[in-house]
Amino acid sequence: MEIKDFDPMHRWFDLCYRNKVNVRAATLMCQQFIDSYGETHRYYHTLAHIHSCLNLLDGVLLEQNELNLIEYAVWFHDIIYDPISDTNEMQSAEVAEKWLLEQGISNASRVAHLIEQTADYGIDPPSDRMQAILHDLDLHVLGSTTDKYHEYAVNIRKEFKHLTNNDFFSGRSKFLKGLLARSSIYATESFKELFEQQAINNINKELGSLDSF
């Protein structure tokens, strides 16, 4: 589904309504999401990525409090994104925790912790259930169709346009090989079943193209 079909206001306000968040506060934060995820240096880390994660989240069986936790984490996890920075996840977590605390959301620190965990995909997938779900949602694109994966890879390159081809391809290759070296790419059984093999195929294909440079 294209981003033009996505009404972020509806989805965000539904979450805020369930948690009794002040309408004005919800409105202001929703606009901040739209502004942040619409920044001109973003090509992959946009509202389309949030939309895809939320669509997949709808298929995960969760208790209401768990759903709220993950959905807040999805919304906030890339609100700060600068390809040159290595503190995006920490800053995004800080934004989330501050706003959620101001709204009286009891699991604010847990949301922030989940977001912080998205900073390092160089280790094996997390075993904690909530971390595992957010991890798999965030990496679901790796197991998408060949065309969708190619679009993702192209957009990631655009986001790192400040790097030379040699530097980008070297870093990208290291990241992809690190994923293949893990015990598995995905942490939950459902995502493994749905996406694991396709993700391996996609990654190996991209690595083949990188090795040709």
N, C-alpha and C. Protein backbone atom coordinates (compact mmCIF):
# COMPACT_ATOMS: atom_id res chain seq x y z
N MET A 1 0.84 -1.19 0.00
CA MET A 1 0.00 0.00 0.00
C MET A 1 0.88 1.24 0.00
N GLU A 2 0.56 2.19 -0.82
CA GLU A 2 1.35 3.41 -0.90
C GLU A 2 1.04 4.33 0.28
N ILE A 3 1.98 5.22 0.57
CA ILE A 3 1.82 6.12 1.70
C ILE A 3 0.59 7.01 1.55
N LYS A 4 0.17 7.30 0.32
CA LYS A 4 -0.99 8.16 0.12
C LYS A 4 -2.27 7.55 0.66
N ASP A 5 -2.27 6.22 0.86
CA ASP A 5 -3.44 5.54 1.40
C ASP A 5 -3.43 5.48 2.92
N PHE A 6 -2.41 6.02 3.54
CA PHE A 6 -2.22 5.92 4.98
C PHE A 6 -2.65 7.21 5.66
N ASP A 7 -3.59 7.11 6.57
CA ASP A 7 -4.02 8.25 7.35
C ASP A 7 -3.40 8.14 8.74
N PRO A 8 -2.24 8.76 8.97
CA PRO A 8 -1.57 8.62 10.26
C PRO A 8 -2.39 9.19 11.41
N MET A 9 -3.19 10.20 11.14
CA MET A 9 -4.00 10.80 12.19
C MET A 9 -4.94 9.76 12.81
N HIS A 10 -5.61 9.00 11.96
CA HIS A 10 -6.59 8.03 12.45
C HIS A 10 -5.92 6.99 13.35
N ARG A 11 -4.84 6.41 12.89
CA ARG A 11 -4.17 5.35 13.65
C ARG A 11 -3.58 5.90 14.95
N TRP A 12 -2.94 7.04 14.87
CA TRP A 12 -2.33 7.63 16.05
C TRP A 12 -3.38 8.04 17.08
N PHE A 13 -4.46 8.65 16.63
CA PHE A 13 -5.48 9.09 17.58
C PHE A 13 -6.21 7.92 18.22
N ASP A 14 -6.32 6.82 17.51
CA ASP A 14 -6.92 5.63 18.10
C ASP A 14 -6.06 5.14 19.27
N LEU A 15 -4.75 5.10 19.07
CA LEU A 15 -3.84 4.70 20.13
C LEU A 15 -3.92 5.67 21.32
N CYS A 16 -3.90 6.95 21.03
CA CYS A 16 -3.96 7.95 22.10
C CYS A 16 -5.29 7.92 22.84
N TYR A 17 -6.38 7.70 22.10
CA TYR A 17 -7.69 7.63 22.73
C TYR A 17 -7.76 6.45 23.71
N ARG A 18 -7.20 5.31 23.30
CA ARG A 18 -7.20 4.13 24.17
C ARG A 18 -6.44 4.41 25.46
N ASN A 19 -5.48 5.31 25.39
CA ASN A 19 -4.64 5.59 26.56
C ASN A 19 -4.97 6.92 27.23
N LYS A 20 -6.12 7.49 26.84
CA LYS A 20 -6.63 8.71 27.48
C LYS A 20 -5.65 9.88 27.40
N VAL A 21 -4.99 10.01 26.26
CA VAL A 21 -4.06 11.11 26.03
C VAL A 21 -4.84 12.35 25.63
N ASN A 22 -4.44 13.49 26.15
CA ASN A 22 -5.06 14.77 25.81
C ASN A 22 -5.05 14.98 24.30
N VAL A 23 -6.18 15.43 23.75
CA VAL A 23 -6.31 15.57 22.30
C VAL A 23 -5.30 16.56 21.73
N ARG A 24 -5.09 17.67 22.42
CA ARG A 24 -4.13 18.66 21.92
C ARG A 24 -2.72 18.08 21.88
N ALA A 25 -2.34 17.38 22.95
CA ALA A 25 -1.01 16.77 22.99
C ALA A 25 -0.86 15.74 21.88
N ALA A 26 -1.90 14.96 21.65
CA ALA A 26 -1.87 13.95 20.59
C ALA A 26 -1.75 14.61 19.23
N THR A 27 -2.46 15.72 19.04
CA THR A 27 -2.43 16.43 17.76
C THR A 27 -1.04 17.00 17.47
N LEU A 28 -0.45 17.62 18.47
CA LEU A 28 0.87 18.21 18.30
C LEU A 28 1.93 17.15 18.01
N MET A 29 1.86 16.02 18.71
CA MET A 29 2.83 14.96 18.46
C MET A 29 2.62 14.32 17.10
N CYS A 30 1.38 14.18 16.68
CA CYS A 30 1.12 13.61 15.37
C CYS A 30 1.73 14.50 14.28
N GLN A 31 1.60 15.80 14.44
CA GLN A 31 2.22 16.70 13.47
C GLN A 31 3.73 16.57 13.50
N GLN A 32 4.28 16.34 14.68
CA GLN A 32 5.73 16.16 14.78
C GLN A 32 6.16 14.89 14.06
N PHE A 33 5.37 13.83 14.16
CA PHE A 33 5.67 12.62 13.40
C PHE A 33 5.67 12.91 11.90
N ILE A 34 4.63 13.59 11.44
CA ILE A 34 4.50 13.88 10.01
C ILE A 34 5.70 14.71 9.53
N ASP A 35 6.08 15.70 10.33
CA ASP A 35 7.21 16.55 9.96
C ASP A 35 8.53 15.77 9.98
N SER A 36 8.73 14.98 11.04
CA SER A 36 10.00 14.25 11.19
C SER A 36 10.16 13.18 10.12
N TYR A 37 9.14 12.35 9.97
CA TYR A 37 9.24 11.26 9.00
C TYR A 37 9.16 11.76 7.56
N GLY A 38 8.80 13.02 7.39
CA GLY A 38 8.76 13.61 6.06
C GLY A 38 9.99 14.42 5.71
N GLU A 39 11.02 14.38 6.54
CA GLU A 39 12.25 15.12 6.28
C GLU A 39 12.85 14.72 4.93
N THR A 40 13.43 15.69 4.24
CA THR A 40 13.85 15.46 2.86
C THR A 40 15.02 14.49 2.73
N HIS A 41 15.78 14.27 3.80
CA HIS A 41 16.90 13.33 3.70
C HIS A 41 16.47 11.88 3.93
N ARG A 42 15.20 11.67 4.19
CA ARG A 42 14.69 10.31 4.41
C ARG A 42 14.12 9.75 3.11
N TYR A 43 14.47 8.50 2.84
CA TYR A 43 13.93 7.80 1.68
C TYR A 43 13.30 6.46 2.10
N TYR A 44 13.89 5.82 3.08
CA TYR A 44 13.32 4.58 3.61
C TYR A 44 12.68 4.81 4.98
N HIS A 45 13.33 5.55 5.85
CA HIS A 45 12.84 5.76 7.22
C HIS A 45 11.76 6.84 7.23
N THR A 46 10.65 6.55 6.60
CA THR A 46 9.54 7.47 6.43
C THR A 46 8.28 6.91 7.08
N LEU A 47 7.17 7.62 6.91
CA LEU A 47 5.90 7.10 7.43
C LEU A 47 5.50 5.79 6.75
N ALA A 48 5.99 5.57 5.54
CA ALA A 48 5.69 4.30 4.86
C ALA A 48 6.25 3.12 5.66
N HIS A 49 7.43 3.30 6.24
CA HIS A 49 8.02 2.26 7.07
C HIS A 49 7.18 2.04 8.33
N ILE A 50 6.73 3.12 8.94
CA ILE A 50 5.87 3.00 10.13
C ILE A 50 4.58 2.28 9.76
N HIS A 51 4.01 2.66 8.62
CA HIS A 51 2.78 2.04 8.15
C HIS A 51 2.95 0.54 7.99
N SER A 52 4.04 0.13 7.35
CA SER A 52 4.28 -1.30 7.12
C SER A 52 4.40 -2.04 8.45
N CYS A 53 5.11 -1.45 9.39
CA CYS A 53 5.26 -2.08 10.71
C CYS A 53 3.92 -2.23 11.41
N LEU A 54 3.10 -1.18 11.36
CA LEU A 54 1.79 -1.23 12.01
C LEU A 54 0.87 -2.24 11.34
N ASN A 55 0.93 -2.35 10.03
CA ASN A 55 0.13 -3.34 9.33
C ASN A 55 0.47 -4.76 9.79
N LEU A 56 1.78 -5.04 9.92
CA LEU A 56 2.20 -6.36 10.38
C LEU A 56 1.85 -6.57 11.85
N LEU A 57 1.94 -5.52 12.63
CA LEU A 57 1.61 -5.61 14.05
C LEU A 57 0.16 -6.03 14.25
N ASP A 58 -0.70 -5.64 13.35
CA ASP A 58 -2.11 -6.01 13.44
C ASP A 58 -2.32 -7.52 13.41
N GLY A 59 -1.35 -8.24 12.85
CA GLY A 59 -1.46 -9.69 12.75
C GLY A 59 -0.82 -10.44 13.91
N VAL A 60 -0.27 -9.70 14.87
CA VAL A 60 0.39 -10.32 16.02
C VAL A 60 -0.58 -10.38 17.19
N LEU A 61 -0.72 -11.54 17.78
CA LEU A 61 -1.65 -11.73 18.90
C LEU A 61 -1.03 -11.18 20.17
N LEU A 62 -1.62 -10.11 20.71
CA LEU A 62 -1.08 -9.44 21.88
C LEU A 62 -2.20 -9.03 22.83
N GLU A 63 -1.85 -8.95 24.11
CA GLU A 63 -2.74 -8.34 25.08
C GLU A 63 -2.78 -6.84 24.80
N GLN A 64 -3.82 -6.15 25.26
CA GLN A 64 -3.97 -4.73 24.95
C GLN A 64 -2.79 -3.91 25.45
N ASN A 65 -2.31 -4.19 26.66
CA ASN A 65 -1.18 -3.41 27.19
C ASN A 65 0.09 -3.67 26.39
N GLU A 66 0.25 -4.89 25.88
CA GLU A 66 1.40 -5.21 25.03
C GLU A 66 1.30 -4.50 23.69
N LEU A 67 0.10 -4.47 23.14
CA LEU A 67 -0.11 -3.78 21.87
C LEU A 67 0.21 -2.30 21.99
N ASN A 68 -0.26 -1.68 23.06
CA ASN A 68 0.04 -0.26 23.29
C ASN A 68 1.54 -0.03 23.36
N LEU A 69 2.23 -0.89 24.08
CA LEU A 69 3.66 -0.78 24.26
C LEU A 69 4.39 -0.82 22.92
N ILE A 70 4.09 -1.82 22.12
CA ILE A 70 4.77 -1.99 20.84
C ILE A 70 4.38 -0.88 19.87
N GLU A 71 3.11 -0.51 19.87
CA GLU A 71 2.66 0.51 18.91
C GLU A 71 3.32 1.86 19.21
N TYR A 72 3.44 2.23 20.47
CA TYR A 72 4.16 3.46 20.79
C TYR A 72 5.62 3.36 20.34
N ALA A 73 6.23 2.21 20.56
CA ALA A 73 7.63 2.02 20.17
C ALA A 73 7.79 2.14 18.66
N VAL A 74 6.85 1.58 17.91
CA VAL A 74 6.90 1.69 16.45
C VAL A 74 6.83 3.15 16.02
N TRP A 75 5.89 3.88 16.55
CA TRP A 75 5.72 5.28 16.16
C TRP A 75 6.97 6.10 16.43
N PHE A 76 7.59 5.88 17.59
CA PHE A 76 8.69 6.75 18.00
C PHE A 76 10.07 6.27 17.57
N HIS A 77 10.21 5.03 17.10
CA HIS A 77 11.56 4.45 17.04
C HIS A 77 12.50 5.12 16.05
N ASP A 78 11.96 5.80 15.04
CA ASP A 78 12.81 6.52 14.08
C ASP A 78 12.46 8.01 14.01
N ILE A 79 11.85 8.54 15.05
CA ILE A 79 11.45 9.95 14.98
C ILE A 79 12.68 10.85 14.82
N ILE A 80 13.80 10.44 15.38
CA ILE A 80 15.08 11.11 15.15
C ILE A 80 15.88 10.24 14.19
N TYR A 81 16.23 10.78 13.04
CA TYR A 81 17.02 9.98 12.09
C TYR A 81 17.92 10.88 11.27
N ASP A 82 19.21 10.77 11.56
CA ASP A 82 20.25 11.46 10.82
C ASP A 82 21.28 10.41 10.44
N PRO A 83 21.43 10.10 9.14
CA PRO A 83 22.35 9.03 8.72
C PRO A 83 23.79 9.23 9.18
N ILE A 84 24.14 10.45 9.51
CA ILE A 84 25.51 10.74 9.94
C ILE A 84 25.70 10.45 11.43
N SER A 85 24.61 10.40 12.16
CA SER A 85 24.66 10.25 13.62
C SER A 85 24.63 8.78 14.04
N ASP A 86 25.24 8.50 15.18
CA ASP A 86 25.15 7.15 15.74
C ASP A 86 24.35 7.16 17.05
N THR A 87 23.58 8.22 17.27
CA THR A 87 22.77 8.31 18.49
C THR A 87 21.28 8.44 18.19
N ASN A 88 20.87 8.06 17.00
CA ASN A 88 19.46 8.22 16.61
C ASN A 88 18.52 7.48 17.54
N GLU A 89 18.85 6.23 17.83
CA GLU A 89 17.96 5.42 18.66
C GLU A 89 17.86 5.97 20.08
N MET A 90 19.00 6.39 20.63
CA MET A 90 19.00 6.96 21.97
C MET A 90 18.17 8.24 22.02
N GLN A 91 18.34 9.09 21.02
CA GLN A 91 17.58 10.35 20.99
C GLN A 91 16.09 10.09 20.77
N SER A 92 15.77 9.12 19.91
CA SER A 92 14.36 8.78 19.68
C SER A 92 13.73 8.25 20.97
N ALA A 93 14.48 7.44 21.69
CA ALA A 93 13.99 6.90 22.96
C ALA A 93 13.75 8.02 23.97
N GLU A 94 14.62 9.00 23.98
CA GLU A 94 14.46 10.12 24.90
C GLU A 94 13.22 10.94 24.58
N VAL A 95 12.98 11.17 23.27
CA VAL A 95 11.78 11.89 22.86
C VAL A 95 10.54 11.13 23.29
N ALA A 96 10.55 9.82 23.06
CA ALA A 96 9.40 8.99 23.41
C ALA A 96 9.14 9.01 24.91
N GLU A 97 10.17 8.78 25.69
CA GLU A 97 9.98 8.69 27.14
C GLU A 97 9.48 10.02 27.70
N LYS A 98 10.07 11.11 27.26
CA LYS A 98 9.66 12.43 27.76
C LYS A 98 8.19 12.69 27.46
N TRP A 99 7.78 12.45 26.22
CA TRP A 99 6.39 12.73 25.84
C TRP A 99 5.43 11.79 26.55
N LEU A 100 5.76 10.52 26.61
CA LEU A 100 4.87 9.55 27.25
C LEU A 100 4.73 9.83 28.75
N LEU A 101 5.81 10.21 29.41
CA LEU A 101 5.73 10.56 30.82
C LEU A 101 4.83 11.78 31.03
N GLU A 102 4.96 12.75 30.14
CA GLU A 102 4.12 13.95 30.23
C GLU A 102 2.64 13.60 30.09
N GLN A 103 2.35 12.53 29.37
CA GLN A 103 0.95 12.12 29.18
C GLN A 103 0.49 11.12 30.23
N GLY A 104 1.36 10.79 31.17
CA GLY A 104 0.99 9.87 32.23
C GLY A 104 0.95 8.42 31.80
N ILE A 105 1.68 8.07 30.75
CA ILE A 105 1.72 6.69 30.28
C ILE A 105 2.68 5.90 31.16
N SER A 106 2.17 4.85 31.79
CA SER A 106 2.94 4.15 32.83
C SER A 106 4.14 3.37 32.30
N ASN A 107 4.08 2.93 31.05
CA ASN A 107 5.17 2.11 30.52
C ASN A 107 6.15 2.92 29.66
N ALA A 108 6.27 4.20 29.95
CA ALA A 108 7.13 5.08 29.15
C ALA A 108 8.58 4.60 29.10
N SER A 109 9.11 4.19 30.24
CA SER A 109 10.51 3.75 30.27
C SER A 109 10.70 2.45 29.50
N ARG A 110 9.68 1.61 29.51
CA ARG A 110 9.74 0.34 28.77
C ARG A 110 9.74 0.61 27.27
N VAL A 111 8.94 1.56 26.82
CA VAL A 111 8.93 1.94 25.41
C VAL A 111 10.32 2.45 25.01
N ALA A 112 10.88 3.31 25.85
CA ALA A 112 12.20 3.87 25.56
C ALA A 112 13.25 2.76 25.46
N HIS A 113 13.17 1.80 26.36
CA HIS A 113 14.14 0.69 26.35
C HIS A 113 14.01 -0.13 25.06
N LEU A 114 12.79 -0.37 24.64
CA LEU A 114 12.58 -1.11 23.40
C LEU A 114 13.23 -0.39 22.22
N ILE A 115 13.03 0.92 22.17
CA ILE A 115 13.60 1.70 21.07
C ILE A 115 15.12 1.66 21.10
N GLU A 116 15.70 1.74 22.27
CA GLU A 116 17.16 1.70 22.40
C GLU A 116 17.72 0.40 21.86
N GLN A 117 16.96 -0.69 22.00
CA GLN A 117 17.44 -1.99 21.55
C GLN A 117 17.53 -2.10 20.02
N THR A 118 16.89 -1.19 19.31
CA THR A 118 16.95 -1.24 17.84
C THR A 118 18.27 -0.69 17.31
N ALA A 119 19.14 -0.23 18.20
CA ALA A 119 20.41 0.38 17.77
C ALA A 119 21.42 -0.66 17.30
N ASP A 120 21.29 -1.90 17.74
CA ASP A 120 22.32 -2.89 17.43
C ASP A 120 21.71 -4.17 16.89
N TYR A 121 21.81 -4.34 15.58
CA TYR A 121 21.35 -5.57 14.96
C TYR A 121 22.54 -6.47 14.61
N GLY A 122 23.69 -6.19 15.23
CA GLY A 122 24.87 -6.98 14.97
C GLY A 122 24.99 -8.19 15.88
N ILE A 123 24.03 -8.34 16.81
CA ILE A 123 24.03 -9.49 17.71
C ILE A 123 22.81 -10.35 17.41
N ASP A 124 22.78 -11.53 18.02
CA ASP A 124 21.65 -12.43 17.78
C ASP A 124 20.34 -11.77 18.17
N PRO A 125 19.25 -12.17 17.53
CA PRO A 125 17.94 -11.58 17.84
C PRO A 125 17.61 -11.68 19.32
N PRO A 126 16.89 -10.71 19.86
CA PRO A 126 16.57 -10.71 21.30
C PRO A 126 15.61 -11.84 21.66
N SER A 127 15.72 -12.31 22.89
CA SER A 127 14.83 -13.37 23.37
C SER A 127 13.62 -12.81 24.09
N ASP A 128 13.74 -11.58 24.63
CA ASP A 128 12.61 -10.94 25.26
C ASP A 128 11.48 -10.77 24.25
N ARG A 129 10.27 -11.16 24.61
CA ARG A 129 9.17 -11.22 23.65
C ARG A 129 8.86 -9.87 23.02
N MET A 130 8.77 -8.82 23.81
CA MET A 130 8.43 -7.51 23.27
C MET A 130 9.57 -6.97 22.40
N GLN A 131 10.80 -7.16 22.85
CA GLN A 131 11.94 -6.76 22.03
C GLN A 131 11.95 -7.53 20.71
N ALA A 132 11.63 -8.81 20.80
CA ALA A 132 11.65 -9.66 19.61
C ALA A 132 10.63 -9.19 18.58
N ILE A 133 9.45 -8.82 19.04
CA ILE A 133 8.41 -8.37 18.12
C ILE A 133 8.81 -7.07 17.43
N LEU A 134 9.30 -6.10 18.20
CA LEU A 134 9.72 -4.83 17.59
C LEU A 134 10.89 -5.07 16.64
N HIS A 135 11.83 -5.89 17.03
CA HIS A 135 12.98 -6.24 16.19
C HIS A 135 12.51 -6.78 14.85
N ASP A 136 11.58 -7.73 14.87
CA ASP A 136 11.12 -8.36 13.63
C ASP A 136 10.30 -7.41 12.78
N LEU A 137 9.49 -6.58 13.41
CA LEU A 137 8.75 -5.57 12.66
C LEU A 137 9.70 -4.64 11.93
N ASP A 138 10.74 -4.22 12.63
CA ASP A 138 11.68 -3.26 12.06
C ASP A 138 12.46 -3.85 10.90
N LEU A 139 12.71 -5.16 10.93
CA LEU A 139 13.50 -5.82 9.89
C LEU A 139 12.67 -6.59 8.88
N HIS A 140 11.36 -6.42 8.92
CA HIS A 140 10.52 -7.25 8.05
C HIS A 140 10.82 -7.03 6.57
N VAL A 141 11.29 -5.83 6.20
CA VAL A 141 11.56 -5.52 4.80
C VAL A 141 12.60 -6.45 4.20
N LEU A 142 13.48 -7.00 5.04
CA LEU A 142 14.51 -7.90 4.53
C LEU A 142 13.89 -9.13 3.88
N GLY A 143 12.73 -9.52 4.35
CA GLY A 143 12.06 -10.70 3.81
C GLY A 143 10.94 -10.37 2.84
N SER A 144 10.94 -9.18 2.29
CA SER A 144 9.90 -8.77 1.35
C SER A 144 10.19 -9.31 -0.05
N THR A 145 9.34 -9.00 -0.99
CA THR A 145 9.53 -9.46 -2.35
C THR A 145 10.82 -8.89 -2.92
N THR A 146 11.30 -9.50 -3.98
CA THR A 146 12.55 -9.05 -4.60
C THR A 146 12.49 -7.57 -4.98
N ASP A 147 11.39 -7.16 -5.60
CA ASP A 147 11.25 -5.76 -6.02
C ASP A 147 11.20 -4.82 -4.83
N LYS A 148 10.48 -5.21 -3.80
CA LYS A 148 10.37 -4.35 -2.61
C LYS A 148 11.71 -4.25 -1.91
N TYR A 149 12.43 -5.35 -1.86
CA TYR A 149 13.75 -5.32 -1.23
C TYR A 149 14.70 -4.43 -2.02
N HIS A 150 14.64 -4.52 -3.32
CA HIS A 150 15.50 -3.67 -4.16
C HIS A 150 15.20 -2.20 -3.91
N GLU A 151 13.91 -1.85 -3.81
CA GLU A 151 13.52 -0.48 -3.52
C GLU A 151 14.09 -0.03 -2.17
N TYR A 152 14.00 -0.91 -1.18
CA TYR A 152 14.56 -0.61 0.14
C TYR A 152 16.06 -0.36 0.05
N ALA A 153 16.79 -1.23 -0.63
CA ALA A 153 18.24 -1.09 -0.74
C ALA A 153 18.62 0.21 -1.44
N VAL A 154 17.89 0.54 -2.49
CA VAL A 154 18.15 1.79 -3.22
C VAL A 154 17.92 2.99 -2.31
N ASN A 155 16.85 2.95 -1.53
CA ASN A 155 16.53 4.07 -0.65
C ASN A 155 17.53 4.21 0.49
N ILE A 156 18.04 3.10 0.98
CA ILE A 156 19.09 3.17 2.01
C ILE A 156 20.34 3.84 1.44
N ARG A 157 20.67 3.48 0.20
CA ARG A 157 21.84 4.13 -0.42
C ARG A 157 21.63 5.64 -0.54
N LYS A 158 20.41 6.06 -0.86
CA LYS A 158 20.11 7.48 -0.97
C LYS A 158 20.28 8.18 0.37
N GLU A 159 19.90 7.50 1.44
CA GLU A 159 20.03 8.11 2.76
C GLU A 159 21.50 8.28 3.17
N PHE A 160 22.36 7.46 2.60
CA PHE A 160 23.78 7.54 2.91
C PHE A 160 24.57 8.11 1.75
N LYS A 161 23.97 9.06 1.07
CA LYS A 161 24.61 9.65 -0.10
C LYS A 161 25.86 10.44 0.26
N HIS A 162 26.03 10.75 1.54
CA HIS A 162 27.23 11.45 1.97
C HIS A 162 28.47 10.55 1.93
N LEU A 163 28.28 9.24 1.80
CA LEU A 163 29.39 8.30 1.76
C LEU A 163 29.79 8.00 0.33
N THR A 164 31.07 7.76 0.12
CA THR A 164 31.52 7.29 -1.19
C THR A 164 31.02 5.87 -1.41
N ASN A 165 31.02 5.42 -2.65
CA ASN A 165 30.60 4.05 -2.94
C ASN A 165 31.44 3.04 -2.16
N ASN A 166 32.74 3.24 -2.11
CA ASN A 166 33.60 2.29 -1.40
C ASN A 166 33.24 2.21 0.07
N ASP A 167 33.06 3.35 0.70
CA ASP A 167 32.74 3.37 2.13
C ASP A 167 31.35 2.78 2.39
N PHE A 168 30.38 3.16 1.55
CA PHE A 168 29.03 2.65 1.76
C PHE A 168 28.98 1.14 1.54
N PHE A 169 29.51 0.67 0.44
CA PHE A 169 29.43 -0.75 0.13
C PHE A 169 30.19 -1.59 1.15
N SER A 170 31.28 -1.06 1.67
CA SER A 170 32.03 -1.78 2.70
C SER A 170 31.20 -1.92 3.97
N GLY A 171 30.58 -0.81 4.41
CA GLY A 171 29.75 -0.84 5.60
C GLY A 171 28.49 -1.68 5.42
N ARG A 172 27.91 -1.55 4.26
CA ARG A 172 26.68 -2.31 3.96
C ARG A 172 26.97 -3.81 3.93
N SER A 173 28.07 -4.18 3.32
CA SER A 173 28.46 -5.58 3.26
C SER A 173 28.69 -6.15 4.65
N LYS A 174 29.35 -5.38 5.50
CA LYS A 174 29.60 -5.83 6.86
C LYS A 174 28.28 -6.04 7.61
N PHE A 175 27.34 -5.11 7.44
CA PHE A 175 26.04 -5.21 8.10
C PHE A 175 25.29 -6.46 7.63
N LEU A 176 25.24 -6.68 6.33
CA LEU A 176 24.49 -7.81 5.78
C LEU A 176 25.12 -9.14 6.15
N LYS A 177 26.44 -9.22 6.10
CA LYS A 177 27.12 -10.46 6.48
C LYS A 177 26.92 -10.74 7.97
N GLY A 178 26.84 -9.67 8.76
CA GLY A 178 26.58 -9.84 10.18
C GLY A 178 25.21 -10.45 10.43
N LEU A 179 24.23 -10.04 9.65
CA LEU A 179 22.89 -10.61 9.78
C LEU A 179 22.89 -12.10 9.44
N LEU A 180 23.59 -12.47 8.38
CA LEU A 180 23.65 -13.87 7.97
C LEU A 180 24.40 -14.73 8.97
N ALA A 181 25.32 -14.12 9.72
CA ALA A 181 26.13 -14.87 10.68
C ALA A 181 25.38 -15.14 11.98
N ARG A 182 24.25 -14.49 12.18
CA ARG A 182 23.49 -14.69 13.41
C ARG A 182 22.81 -16.06 13.40
N SER A 183 22.33 -16.46 14.54
CA SER A 183 21.63 -17.75 14.63
C SER A 183 20.38 -17.75 13.76
N SER A 184 19.77 -16.59 13.61
CA SER A 184 18.64 -16.39 12.69
C SER A 184 18.49 -14.90 12.48
N ILE A 185 17.82 -14.53 11.40
CA ILE A 185 17.59 -13.11 11.15
C ILE A 185 16.45 -12.60 12.02
N TYR A 186 15.39 -13.39 12.11
CA TYR A 186 14.22 -12.99 12.88
C TYR A 186 14.18 -13.69 14.23
N ALA A 187 13.48 -13.07 15.16
CA ALA A 187 13.46 -13.55 16.54
C ALA A 187 12.23 -14.38 16.88
N THR A 188 11.11 -14.11 16.21
CA THR A 188 9.87 -14.82 16.52
C THR A 188 9.62 -15.92 15.49
N GLU A 189 8.97 -16.96 15.94
CA GLU A 189 8.72 -18.10 15.05
C GLU A 189 7.85 -17.71 13.86
N SER A 190 6.87 -16.85 14.08
CA SER A 190 5.98 -16.48 12.98
C SER A 190 6.73 -15.71 11.89
N PHE A 191 7.64 -14.81 12.29
CA PHE A 191 8.40 -14.06 11.30
C PHE A 191 9.43 -14.95 10.61
N LYS A 192 10.00 -15.89 11.35
CA LYS A 192 10.92 -16.83 10.73
C LYS A 192 10.21 -17.62 9.63
N GLU A 193 9.02 -18.08 9.95
CA GLU A 193 8.26 -18.87 8.99
C GLU A 193 7.88 -18.05 7.76
N LEU A 194 7.51 -16.81 7.99
CA LEU A 194 7.06 -15.96 6.89
C LEU A 194 8.19 -15.37 6.06
N PHE A 195 9.30 -14.98 6.71
CA PHE A 195 10.27 -14.12 6.03
C PHE A 195 11.72 -14.61 6.01
N GLU A 196 12.07 -15.58 6.84
CA GLU A 196 13.49 -15.93 7.01
C GLU A 196 14.18 -16.32 5.70
N GLN A 197 13.63 -17.27 4.99
CA GLN A 197 14.31 -17.76 3.79
C GLN A 197 14.37 -16.69 2.71
N GLN A 198 13.29 -15.93 2.55
CA GLN A 198 13.30 -14.85 1.55
C GLN A 198 14.32 -13.79 1.92
N ALA A 199 14.45 -13.52 3.22
CA ALA A 199 15.44 -12.54 3.67
C ALA A 199 16.86 -13.01 3.35
N ILE A 200 17.13 -14.27 3.59
CA ILE A 200 18.44 -14.84 3.27
C ILE A 200 18.72 -14.72 1.78
N ASN A 201 17.72 -15.05 0.98
CA ASN A 201 17.87 -14.95 -0.48
C ASN A 201 18.14 -13.51 -0.91
N ASN A 202 17.37 -12.58 -0.36
CA ASN A 202 17.54 -11.16 -0.72
C ASN A 202 18.92 -10.65 -0.33
N ILE A 203 19.34 -10.99 0.88
CA ILE A 203 20.63 -10.51 1.37
C ILE A 203 21.77 -11.08 0.53
N ASN A 204 21.70 -12.36 0.24
CA ASN A 204 22.75 -12.97 -0.57
C ASN A 204 22.82 -12.35 -1.97
N LYS A 205 21.66 -12.03 -2.51
CA LYS A 205 21.63 -11.39 -3.83
C LYS A 205 22.26 -10.01 -3.77
N GLU A 206 21.93 -9.24 -2.73
CA GLU A 206 22.54 -7.91 -2.62
C GLU A 206 24.04 -8.01 -2.39
N LEU A 207 24.46 -8.95 -1.56
CA LEU A 207 25.90 -9.14 -1.33
C LEU A 207 26.63 -9.47 -2.62
N GLY A 208 25.97 -10.27 -3.48
CA GLY A 208 26.56 -10.60 -4.77
C GLY A 208 26.77 -9.37 -5.61
N SER A 209 25.82 -8.44 -5.56
CA SER A 209 25.96 -7.22 -6.34
C SER A 209 27.02 -6.30 -5.75
N LEU A 210 27.16 -6.30 -4.43
CA LEU A 210 28.17 -5.47 -3.78
C LEU A 210 29.57 -6.00 -4.07
N ASP A 211 29.71 -7.32 -4.10
CA ASP A 211 31.01 -7.93 -4.34
C ASP A 211 31.53 -7.65 -5.75
N SER A 212 30.61 -7.25 -6.64
CA SER A 212 31.03 -7.00 -8.02
C SER A 212 31.72 -5.65 -8.17
N PHE A 213 31.64 -4.80 -7.12
CA PHE A 213 32.25 -3.48 -7.19
C PHE A 213 33.72 -3.56 -6.79
